[in-house]
C-alpha atoms as a PDB file:
ATOM      1  CA  MET A   1     -85.312 -53.449  76.714  1.00  0.00           C
ATOM      2  CA  PHE A   2     -86.532 -53.979  73.141  1.00  0.00           C
ATOM      3  CA  SER A   3     -88.190 -51.042  71.454  1.00  0.00           C
ATOM      4  CA  ARG A   4     -91.440 -51.455  69.544  1.00  0.00           C
ATOM      5  CA  GLN A   5     -89.579 -51.063  66.228  1.00  0.00           C
ATOM      6  CA  ARG A   6     -87.051 -53.782  67.137  1.00  0.00           C
ATOM      7  CA  MET A   7     -89.799 -56.228  68.112  1.00  0.00           C
ATOM      8  CA  LEU A   8     -91.641 -55.502  64.840  1.00  0.00           C
ATOM      9  CA  ALA A   9     -88.425 -56.097  62.901  1.00  0.00           C
ATOM     10  CA  ILE A  10     -87.917 -59.497  64.518  1.00  0.00           C
ATOM     11  CA  LEU A  11     -91.529 -60.518  63.855  1.00  0.00           C
ATOM     12  CA  VAL A  12     -91.243 -59.495  60.199  1.00  0.00           C
ATOM     13  CA  SER A  13     -88.006 -61.457  59.870  1.00  0.00           C
ATOM     14  CA  LEU A  14     -89.386 -64.601  61.478  1.00  0.00           C
ATOM     15  CA  ALA A  15     -92.557 -64.451  59.392  1.00  0.00           C
ATOM     16  CA  ALA A  16     -90.522 -64.127  56.220  1.00  0.00           C
ATOM     17  CA  THR A  17     -87.950 -66.819  56.983  1.00  0.00           C
ATOM     18  CA  THR A  18     -90.566 -69.397  57.941  1.00  0.00           C
ATOM     19  CA  ALA A  19     -92.359 -69.075  54.612  1.00  0.00           C
ATOM     20  CA  GLU A  20     -92.387 -72.227  52.486  1.00  0.00           C
ATOM     21  CA  ALA A  21     -90.787 -70.388  49.571  1.00  0.00           C
ATOM     22  CA  GLN A  22     -88.912 -67.215  48.860  1.00  0.00           C
ATOM     23  CA  MET A  23     -92.219 -65.331  48.582  1.00  0.00           C
ATOM     24  CA  MET A  24     -95.541 -66.282  50.181  1.00  0.00           C
ATOM     25  CA  ALA A  25     -98.810 -64.621  49.114  1.00  0.00           C
ATOM     26  CA  ARG A  26    -102.268 -64.705  50.702  1.00  0.00           C
ATOM     27  CA  ASP A  27    -105.515 -63.073  49.542  1.00  0.00           C
ATOM     28  CA  LEU A  28    -107.327 -61.008  52.190  1.00  0.00           C
ATOM     29  CA  GLY A  29    -110.485 -59.815  50.465  1.00  0.00           C
ATOM     30  CA  SER A  30    -109.515 -56.935  48.180  1.00  0.00           C
ATOM     31  CA  PHE A  31    -105.997 -56.991  49.670  1.00  0.00           C
ATOM     32  CA  GLU A  32    -103.061 -59.280  48.930  1.00  0.00           C
ATOM     33  CA  LEU A  33    -100.421 -59.918  51.590  1.00  0.00           C
ATOM     34  CA  GLN A  34     -96.928 -60.960  50.496  1.00  0.00           C
ATOM     35  CA  MET A  35     -94.072 -62.007  52.787  1.00  0.00           C
ATOM     36  CA  GLY A  36     -90.614 -63.122  51.761  1.00  0.00           C
ATOM     37  CA  THR A  37     -86.905 -63.313  52.495  1.00  0.00           C
ATOM     38  CA  ILE A  38     -85.995 -61.364  49.344  1.00  0.00           C
ATOM     39  CA  PRO A  39     -87.439 -58.059  48.090  1.00  0.00           C
ATOM     40  CA  GLY A  40     -90.626 -58.351  46.030  1.00  0.00           C
ATOM     41  CA  ARG A  41     -91.425 -56.705  42.715  1.00  0.00           C
ATOM     42  CA  SER A  42     -92.470 -53.230  43.866  1.00  0.00           C
ATOM     43  CA  MET A  43     -90.289 -50.293  42.825  1.00  0.00           C
ATOM     44  CA  ALA A  44     -89.704 -49.457  46.487  1.00  0.00           C
ATOM     45  CA  GLN A  45     -88.217 -52.821  47.327  1.00  0.00           C
ATOM     46  CA  GLY A  46     -85.778 -52.435  44.448  1.00  0.00           C
ATOM     47  CA  LEU A  47     -84.505 -49.245  46.072  1.00  0.00           C
ATOM     48  CA  VAL A  48     -83.918 -50.605  49.569  1.00  0.00           C
ATOM     49  CA  GLN A  49     -80.446 -51.571  50.741  1.00  0.00           C
ATOM     50  CA  PRO A  50     -78.959 -54.280  48.472  1.00  0.00           C
ATOM     51  CA  ALA A  51     -77.270 -56.293  51.228  1.00  0.00           C
ATOM     52  CA  SER A  52     -78.785 -57.987  54.265  1.00  0.00           C
ATOM     53  CA  HIS A  53     -77.039 -58.537  57.572  1.00  0.00           C
ATOM     54  CA  GLY A  54     -77.237 -61.732  59.565  1.00  0.00           C
ATOM     55  CA  ALA A  55     -79.603 -64.670  59.405  1.00  0.00           C
ATOM     56  CA  PHE A  56     -82.867 -62.814  59.932  1.00  0.00           C
ATOM     57  CA  HIS A  57     -84.100 -60.440  57.282  1.00  0.00           C
ATOM     58  CA  GLY A  58     -87.286 -60.131  55.281  1.00  0.00           C
ATOM     59  CA  GLY A  59     -90.300 -58.015  54.536  1.00  0.00           C
ATOM     60  CA  LEU A  60     -93.942 -57.804  53.650  1.00  0.00           C
ATOM     61  CA  ASP A  61     -96.203 -55.998  51.186  1.00  0.00           C
ATOM     62  CA  LEU A  62     -99.908 -55.267  51.550  1.00  0.00           C
ATOM     63  CA  ASN A  63    -101.401 -54.533  48.126  1.00  0.00           C
ATOM     64  CA  HIS A  64    -104.915 -53.250  47.375  1.00  0.00           C
ATOM     65  CA  ALA A  65    -106.789 -53.937  44.151  1.00  0.00           C
ATOM     66  CA  SER A  66    -106.972 -50.175  43.480  1.00  0.00           C
ATOM     67  CA  GLY A  67    -103.170 -49.982  43.091  1.00  0.00           C
ATOM     68  CA  TRP A  68    -102.222 -48.634  46.532  1.00  0.00           C
ATOM     69  CA  TYR A  69     -99.724 -50.606  48.573  1.00  0.00           C
ATOM     70  CA  PHE A  70     -97.844 -50.427  51.848  1.00  0.00           C
ATOM     71  CA  GLY A  71     -94.718 -52.374  52.719  1.00  0.00           C
ATOM     72  CA  GLN A  72     -91.847 -52.792  55.109  1.00  0.00           C
ATOM     73  CA  TRP A  73     -88.442 -54.346  54.513  1.00  0.00           C
ATOM     74  CA  GLN A  74     -86.018 -55.090  57.338  1.00  0.00           C
ATOM     75  CA  PRO A  75     -82.440 -55.651  56.084  1.00  0.00           C
ATOM     76  CA  ALA A  76     -80.724 -55.591  59.492  1.00  0.00           C
ATOM     77  CA  THR A  77     -81.705 -56.468  63.066  1.00  0.00           C
ATOM     78  CA  GLY A  78     -78.693 -54.686  64.558  1.00  0.00           C
ATOM     79  CA  PHE A  79     -77.495 -57.751  66.468  1.00  0.00           C
ATOM     80  CA  ALA A  80     -74.273 -58.176  64.459  1.00  0.00           C
ATOM     81  CA  ASP A  81     -71.256 -56.042  65.339  1.00  0.00           C
ATOM     82  CA  GLY A  82     -71.043 -52.844  63.330  1.00  0.00           C
ATOM     83  CA  THR A  83     -74.696 -52.905  62.207  1.00  0.00           C
ATOM     84  CA  LEU A  84     -77.782 -50.957  63.213  1.00  0.00           C
ATOM     85  CA  LEU A  85     -81.414 -51.997  63.315  1.00  0.00           C
ATOM     86  CA  GLU A  86     -82.949 -50.690  60.108  1.00  0.00           C
ATOM     87  CA  LEU A  87     -86.536 -50.571  58.871  1.00  0.00           C
ATOM     88  CA  ASN A  88     -87.492 -49.445  55.355  1.00  0.00           C
ATOM     89  CA  SER A  89     -91.184 -48.479  55.249  1.00  0.00           C
ATOM     90  CA  TYR A  90     -92.892 -47.336  52.075  1.00  0.00           C
ATOM     91  CA  LEU A  91     -96.244 -46.240  50.694  1.00  0.00           C
ATOM     92  CA  GLY A  92     -96.922 -46.155  46.976  1.00  0.00           C
ATOM     93  CA  TYR A  93     -99.321 -46.408  44.084  1.00  0.00           C
ATOM     94  CA  ALA A  94     -98.781 -48.671  41.076  1.00  0.00           C
ATOM     95  CA  ARG A  95    -100.862 -48.867  37.939  1.00  0.00           C
ATOM     96  CA  PRO A  96     -99.832 -51.836  35.785  1.00  0.00           C
ATOM     97  CA  PHE A  97    -101.144 -52.190  32.247  1.00  0.00           C
ATOM     98  CA  ALA A  98    -101.345 -55.380  30.218  1.00  0.00           C
ATOM     99  CA  GLU A  99    -100.029 -54.151  26.870  1.00  0.00           C
ATOM    100  CA  ARG A 100     -98.260 -50.864  27.601  1.00  0.00           C
ATOM    101  CA  PRO A 101     -95.891 -49.492  30.268  1.00  0.00           C
ATOM    102  CA  GLY A 102     -97.284 -49.079  33.758  1.00  0.00           C
ATOM    103  CA  TYR A 103     -96.127 -46.526  36.304  1.00  0.00           C
ATOM    104  CA  GLU A 104     -95.376 -46.369  40.008  1.00  0.00           C
ATOM    105  CA  VAL A 105     -94.819 -43.545  42.529  1.00  0.00           C
ATOM    106  CA  GLY A 106     -94.293 -43.478  46.270  1.00  0.00           C
ATOM    107  CA  VAL A 107     -92.178 -42.544  49.278  1.00  0.00           C
ATOM    108  CA  ILE A 108     -89.739 -44.599  51.379  1.00  0.00           C
ATOM    109  CA  ARG A 109     -88.829 -43.923  54.989  1.00  0.00           C
ATOM    110  CA  TYR A 110     -85.455 -45.273  56.174  1.00  0.00           C
ATOM    111  CA  THR A 111     -85.614 -45.599  59.961  1.00  0.00           C
ATOM    112  CA  PHE A 112     -82.757 -46.400  62.361  1.00  0.00           C
ATOM    113  CA  PRO A 113     -84.308 -46.671  65.871  1.00  0.00           C
ATOM    114  CA  ASP A 114     -80.877 -46.785  67.542  1.00  0.00           C
ATOM    115  CA  LEU A 115     -79.624 -43.639  65.767  1.00  0.00           C
ATOM    116  CA  ARG A 116     -82.523 -41.346  64.884  1.00  0.00           C
ATOM    117  CA  ALA A 117     -80.224 -38.628  63.560  1.00  0.00           C
ATOM    118  CA  ILE A 118     -79.682 -40.543  60.292  1.00  0.00           C
ATOM    119  CA  ASP A 119     -83.372 -41.275  59.584  1.00  0.00           C
ATOM    120  CA  ARG A 120     -84.333 -40.112  56.101  1.00  0.00           C
ATOM    121  CA  HIS A 121     -86.956 -40.439  53.396  1.00  0.00           C
ATOM    122  CA  ALA A 122     -86.889 -40.641  49.607  1.00  0.00           C
ATOM    123  CA  PHE A 123     -89.437 -40.063  46.838  1.00  0.00           C
ATOM    124  CA  TYR A 124     -89.413 -42.504  43.952  1.00  0.00           C
ATOM    125  CA  GLY A 125     -91.109 -43.207  40.651  1.00  0.00           C
ATOM    126  CA  GLY A 126     -90.671 -45.370  37.612  1.00  0.00           C
ATOM    127  CA  LEU A 127     -92.040 -47.375  34.716  1.00  0.00           C
ATOM    128  CA  THR A 128     -92.788 -51.079  34.444  1.00  0.00           C
ATOM    129  CA  LEU A 129     -92.772 -52.961  31.168  1.00  0.00           C
ATOM    130  CA  ASP A 130     -93.434 -56.685  30.974  1.00  0.00           C
ATOM    131  CA  ARG A 131     -91.010 -58.066  33.589  1.00  0.00           C
ATOM    132  CA  GLY A 132     -88.677 -55.075  33.651  1.00  0.00           C
ATOM    133  CA  ARG A 133     -88.622 -51.994  35.894  1.00  0.00           C
ATOM    134  CA  PHE A 134     -86.849 -48.673  35.398  1.00  0.00           C
ATOM    135  CA  GLY A 135     -87.004 -46.253  38.307  1.00  0.00           C
ATOM    136  CA  ALA A 136     -85.360 -43.389  40.154  1.00  0.00           C
ATOM    137  CA  SER A 137     -85.464 -41.883  43.624  1.00  0.00           C
ATOM    138  CA  VAL A 138     -84.251 -38.665  45.213  1.00  0.00           C
ATOM    139  CA  SER A 139     -83.721 -37.794  48.858  1.00  0.00           C
ATOM    140  CA  HIS A 140     -82.853 -34.256  49.931  1.00  0.00           C
ATOM    141  CA  GLU A 141     -81.660 -33.537  53.463  1.00  0.00           C
ATOM    142  CA  PRO A 142     -80.028 -30.370  54.878  1.00  0.00           C
ATOM    143  CA  TRP A 143     -76.614 -32.088  54.803  1.00  0.00           C
ATOM    144  CA  ARG A 144     -76.835 -34.171  51.602  1.00  0.00           C
ATOM    145  CA  THR A 145     -78.792 -35.120  48.484  1.00  0.00           C
ATOM    146  CA  ASP A 146     -79.002 -38.713  47.240  1.00  0.00           C
ATOM    147  CA  SER A 147     -80.122 -39.658  43.728  1.00  0.00           C
ATOM    148  CA  THR A 148     -80.550 -43.269  42.597  1.00  0.00           C
ATOM    149  CA  LEU A 149     -81.276 -45.004  39.292  1.00  0.00           C
ATOM    150  CA  LEU A 150     -82.670 -48.547  39.263  1.00  0.00           C
ATOM    151  CA  MET A 151     -83.001 -51.221  36.582  1.00  0.00           C
ATOM    152  CA  ASP A 152     -84.569 -54.541  37.528  1.00  0.00           C
ATOM    153  CA  PHE A 153     -85.236 -57.465  35.185  1.00  0.00           C
ATOM    154  CA  ASP A 154     -87.071 -60.696  35.945  1.00  0.00           C
ATOM    155  CA  LEU A 155     -85.349 -63.134  33.569  1.00  0.00           C
ATOM    156  CA  SER A 156     -86.832 -66.273  35.073  1.00  0.00           C
ATOM    157  CA  ARG A 157     -88.587 -67.217  31.844  1.00  0.00           C
ATOM    158  CA  TYR A 158     -85.245 -67.268  30.011  1.00  0.00           C
ATOM    159  CA  TRP A 159     -82.459 -68.123  32.445  1.00  0.00           C
ATOM    160  CA  GLY A 160     -84.287 -68.544  35.748  1.00  0.00           C
ATOM    161  CA  VAL A 161     -82.632 -65.517  37.403  1.00  0.00           C
ATOM    162  CA  ASP A 162     -83.553 -62.052  38.612  1.00  0.00           C
ATOM    163  CA  LEU A 163     -81.102 -59.246  37.774  1.00  0.00           C
ATOM    164  CA  SER A 164     -81.035 -55.782  39.303  1.00  0.00           C
ATOM    165  CA  LEU A 165     -78.649 -52.860  38.838  1.00  0.00           C
ATOM    166  CA  LYS A 166     -78.510 -49.723  40.975  1.00  0.00           C
ATOM    167  CA  TYR A 167     -76.393 -46.570  40.633  1.00  0.00           C
ATOM    168  CA  SER A 168     -76.411 -43.700  43.137  1.00  0.00           C
ATOM    169  CA  ASN A 169     -74.883 -40.255  43.457  1.00  0.00           C
ATOM    170  CA  HIS A 170     -74.419 -38.640  46.878  1.00  0.00           C
ATOM    171  CA  ALA A 171     -73.792 -34.889  47.021  1.00  0.00           C
ATOM    172  CA  LEU A 172     -72.699 -33.432  50.385  1.00  0.00           C
ATOM    173  CA  ALA A 173     -73.837 -29.941  51.366  1.00  0.00           C
ATOM    174  CA  HIS A 174     -70.501 -29.355  53.103  1.00  0.00           C
ATOM    175  CA  PRO A 175     -67.313 -31.046  51.827  1.00  0.00           C
ATOM    176  CA  ALA A 176     -65.774 -33.651  54.114  1.00  0.00           C
ATOM    177  CA  HIS A 177     -62.135 -32.927  55.021  1.00  0.00           C
ATOM    178  CA  LEU A 178     -59.741 -35.847  54.573  1.00  0.00           C
ATOM    179  CA  PRO A 179     -56.129 -36.399  55.619  1.00  0.00           C
ATOM    180  CA  GLY A 180     -53.580 -34.656  53.433  1.00  0.00           C
ATOM    181  CA  GLY A 181     -55.729 -31.579  52.906  1.00  0.00           C
ATOM    182  CA  ARG A 182     -58.091 -33.321  50.469  1.00  0.00           C
ATOM    183  CA  THR A 183     -61.865 -32.813  50.486  1.00  0.00           C
ATOM    184  CA  LEU A 184     -64.785 -34.949  49.345  1.00  0.00           C
ATOM    185  CA  SER A 185     -67.937 -33.193  48.153  1.00  0.00           C
ATOM    186  CA  SER A 186     -69.663 -36.002  46.247  1.00  0.00           C
ATOM    187  CA  PHE A 187     -69.264 -39.687  45.476  1.00  0.00           C
ATOM    188  CA  ASN A 188     -70.997 -42.493  43.599  1.00  0.00           C
ATOM    189  CA  ASP A 189     -71.748 -46.112  44.402  1.00  0.00           C
ATOM    190  CA  TRP A 190     -73.385 -48.996  42.596  1.00  0.00           C
ATOM    191  CA  SER A 191     -74.609 -52.556  43.089  1.00  0.00           C
ATOM    192  CA  LEU A 192     -75.412 -55.597  40.982  1.00  0.00           C
ATOM    193  CA  ASN A 193     -77.599 -58.410  42.287  1.00  0.00           C
ATOM    194  CA  LEU A 194     -78.313 -61.831  40.784  1.00  0.00           C
ATOM    195  CA  SER A 195     -80.698 -64.261  42.460  1.00  0.00           C
ATOM    196  CA  ARG A 196     -82.118 -67.647  41.582  1.00  0.00           C
ATOM    197  CA  HIS A 197     -84.559 -69.929  43.382  1.00  0.00           C
ATOM    198  CA  TRP A 198     -83.695 -73.623  43.178  1.00  0.00           C
ATOM    199  CA  ARG A 199     -85.804 -76.211  45.000  1.00  0.00           C
ATOM    200  CA  SER A 200     -85.929 -75.044  48.615  1.00  0.00           C
ATOM    201  CA  MET A 201     -82.915 -72.762  48.350  1.00  0.00           C
ATOM    202  CA  GLN A 202     -82.437 -69.160  47.332  1.00  0.00           C
ATOM    203  CA  MET A 203     -79.053 -68.514  45.750  1.00  0.00           C
ATOM    204  CA  GLY A 204     -77.689 -65.062  45.053  1.00  0.00           C
ATOM    205  CA  MET A 205     -74.648 -62.984  44.238  1.00  0.00           C
ATOM    206  CA  THR A 206     -74.137 -59.326  45.154  1.00  0.00           C
ATOM    207  CA  TYR A 207     -71.402 -57.005  43.933  1.00  0.00           C
ATOM    208  CA  THR A 208     -71.115 -53.484  45.324  1.00  0.00           C
ATOM    209  CA  GLY A 209     -68.588 -50.785  44.562  1.00  0.00           C
ATOM    210  CA  THR A 210     -67.853 -47.076  44.895  1.00  0.00           C
ATOM    211  CA  ASP A 211     -65.463 -44.511  43.456  1.00  0.00           C
ATOM    212  CA  VAL A 212     -64.261 -43.710  46.982  1.00  0.00           C
ATOM    213  CA  SER A 213     -61.065 -45.455  48.111  1.00  0.00           C
ATOM    214  CA  GLY A 214     -58.274 -45.266  50.644  1.00  0.00           C
ATOM    215  CA  THR A 215     -58.685 -42.513  53.232  1.00  0.00           C
ATOM    216  CA  GLY A 216     -61.827 -41.364  51.415  1.00  0.00           C
ATOM    217  CA  CYS A 217     -63.612 -44.312  53.029  1.00  0.00           C
ATOM    218  CA  MET A 218     -63.527 -42.342  56.275  1.00  0.00           C
ATOM    219  CA  ALA A 219     -66.251 -40.103  54.795  1.00  0.00           C
ATOM    220  CA  TYR A 220     -68.175 -42.797  52.878  1.00  0.00           C
ATOM    221  CA  ALA A 221     -71.837 -43.006  53.864  1.00  0.00           C
ATOM    222  CA  GLY A 222     -73.597 -44.413  50.815  1.00  0.00           C
ATOM    223  CA  HIS A 223     -76.033 -47.244  50.203  1.00  0.00           C
ATOM    224  CA  ASN A 224     -73.455 -50.021  50.313  1.00  0.00           C
ATOM    225  CA  GLU A 225     -72.365 -51.831  53.444  1.00  0.00           C
ATOM    226  CA  HIS A 226     -68.705 -51.699  52.426  1.00  0.00           C
ATOM    227  CA  CYS A 227     -66.516 -48.994  50.920  1.00  0.00           C
ATOM    228  CA  GLU A 228     -64.619 -50.123  47.805  1.00  0.00           C
ATOM    229  CA  ASP A 229     -65.391 -53.331  45.893  1.00  0.00           C
ATOM    230  CA  PHE A 230     -67.186 -56.153  47.703  1.00  0.00           C
ATOM    231  CA  PHE A 231     -68.569 -59.514  46.554  1.00  0.00           C
ATOM    232  CA  MET A 232     -70.986 -61.670  48.508  1.00  0.00           C
ATOM    233  CA  LEU A 233     -72.498 -65.084  47.722  1.00  0.00           C
ATOM    234  CA  ARG A 234     -75.702 -66.126  49.478  1.00  0.00           C
ATOM    235  CA  PHE A 235     -77.255 -69.540  49.977  1.00  0.00           C
ATOM    236  CA  GLU A 236     -80.492 -69.492  51.947  1.00  0.00           C
ATOM    237  CA  LYS A 237     -82.690 -72.431  52.867  1.00  0.00           C
ATOM    238  CA  THR A 238     -86.201 -71.748  54.097  1.00  0.00           C
ATOM    239  CA  LEU A 239     -87.246 -73.175  57.459  1.00  0.00           C
ATOM    240  CA  ARG A 240     -90.097 -75.682  57.560  1.00  0.00           C
END
């Protein structure tokens, strides 16, 4: 039986993948609704998981003229082997300015309906300048603390691409014991994403990496889908 969260995830995915472009926007009075198959321009969506699993993924943002917004991004439906249904929900406030840096603050909730024990939340904030964003988030749980730095640049006016960089540190409250008597108390991971929209296709490249390797991957539980270096090329065509 499908849970309510799983059904919502599928509806969000289908709504996003049937959009005529990578991002669809509609005005609803003083609100603006955005749906798309790639993360939008809010600071929160730059801090969600960099990789998506399977054919169905997407999200939506509901923005108010006052600066408040609510959104949800679904990177995984949990249908593929080795993946879990995941929903990233966030609430934030953004104040953009025309000729000086704007700011943004909010909270993200990472929810895994099939494994509630790993649900977590993170507080984030950052600055926006022209088409660039610089942000950070921190999540503190009894067993670990995660800190993330984000840089995101919309370079479409120059080269037609969007570039984002993310670097995270994960500190464990109790060291993980590895074979050979070694322990792991903290580790780092990072990701680089390039995306470009061309005609009816969305093309992208993702590189993720971590300083954990070998048997240390047994204890890896960072933002990336894979331990050690991983490259992925994406070619998506919107349904009509």
